[in-house]
Protein backbone atom coordinates (compact mmCIF):
# COMPACT_ATOMS: atom_id res chain seq x y z
CA UNK A 1 -262.04 -161.96 -27.90
CA UNK A 2 -258.46 -161.59 -26.70
CA UNK A 3 -259.48 -162.76 -23.23
CA UNK A 4 -260.60 -166.10 -24.64
CA UNK A 5 -257.41 -166.90 -26.52
CA UNK A 6 -255.42 -168.09 -23.48
CA UNK A 7 -258.03 -170.44 -21.97
CA UNK A 8 -258.92 -171.92 -25.37
CA UNK A 9 -255.25 -172.41 -26.27
CA UNK A 10 -254.55 -174.11 -22.93
CA UNK A 11 -257.66 -176.30 -23.22
CA UNK A 12 -256.88 -177.47 -26.75
CA UNK A 13 -253.19 -178.07 -26.09
CA UNK A 14 -253.91 -180.07 -22.91
CA UNK A 15 -256.47 -182.21 -24.76
CA UNK A 16 -253.96 -182.91 -27.54
CA UNK A 17 -251.15 -183.60 -25.06
CA UNK A 18 -253.46 -185.94 -23.15
CA UNK A 19 -254.20 -187.91 -26.30
CA UNK A 20 -250.48 -188.12 -27.12
CA UNK A 21 -249.65 -189.20 -23.56
CA UNK A 22 -252.36 -191.83 -23.75
CA UNK A 23 -250.99 -193.07 -27.06
CA UNK A 24 -247.52 -193.50 -25.55
CA UNK A 25 -248.94 -195.22 -22.48
CA UNK A 26 -247.99 -192.69 -19.81
CA UNK A 27 -249.65 -193.47 -16.49
CA UNK A 28 -250.64 -191.50 -13.41
CA UNK A 29 -248.34 -188.77 -12.26
CA UNK A 30 -246.29 -188.80 -15.48
CA UNK A 31 -249.37 -187.89 -17.49
CA UNK A 32 -250.36 -185.16 -15.04
CA UNK A 33 -246.81 -183.77 -15.12
CA UNK A 34 -246.78 -183.64 -18.90
CA UNK A 35 -250.17 -181.91 -18.99
CA UNK A 36 -249.02 -179.31 -16.45
CA UNK A 37 -245.83 -178.62 -18.39
CA UNK A 38 -247.80 -178.21 -21.61
CA UNK A 39 -250.24 -175.82 -19.93
CA UNK A 40 -247.39 -173.71 -18.50
CA UNK A 41 -245.58 -173.59 -21.83
CA UNK A 42 -248.72 -172.53 -23.69
CA UNK A 43 -249.52 -169.87 -21.11
CA UNK A 44 -245.98 -168.50 -21.39
CA UNK A 45 -246.06 -168.48 -25.20
CA UNK A 46 -249.52 -166.92 -25.55
CA UNK A 47 -248.82 -164.27 -22.91
CA UNK A 48 -245.55 -163.33 -24.59
CA UNK A 49 -247.25 -163.18 -28.00
CA UNK A 50 -250.05 -160.97 -26.68
CA UNK A 51 -247.54 -158.67 -24.98
CA UNK A 52 -245.58 -158.32 -28.25
CA UNK A 53 -248.78 -157.46 -30.11
CA UNK A 54 -249.69 -154.80 -27.53
CA UNK A 55 -246.22 -153.24 -27.70
CA UNK A 56 -246.44 -153.03 -31.51
CA UNK A 57 -249.68 -151.05 -31.38
CA UNK A 58 -248.54 -148.57 -28.72
CA UNK A 59 -246.48 -145.57 -29.91
């Protein structure tokens, strides 16, 4: 289950960011740039969260 958290989080956040970018009328490379930044930020946040959870459980 933990292996699916990162891909699902990235997928959902990129879909939402795409809808927001579409709403604001971003075109072409701007939209792709925003989606990439969102994916990187989510990967960073989820990885950090999972690492914190692992460190809590280890003695």
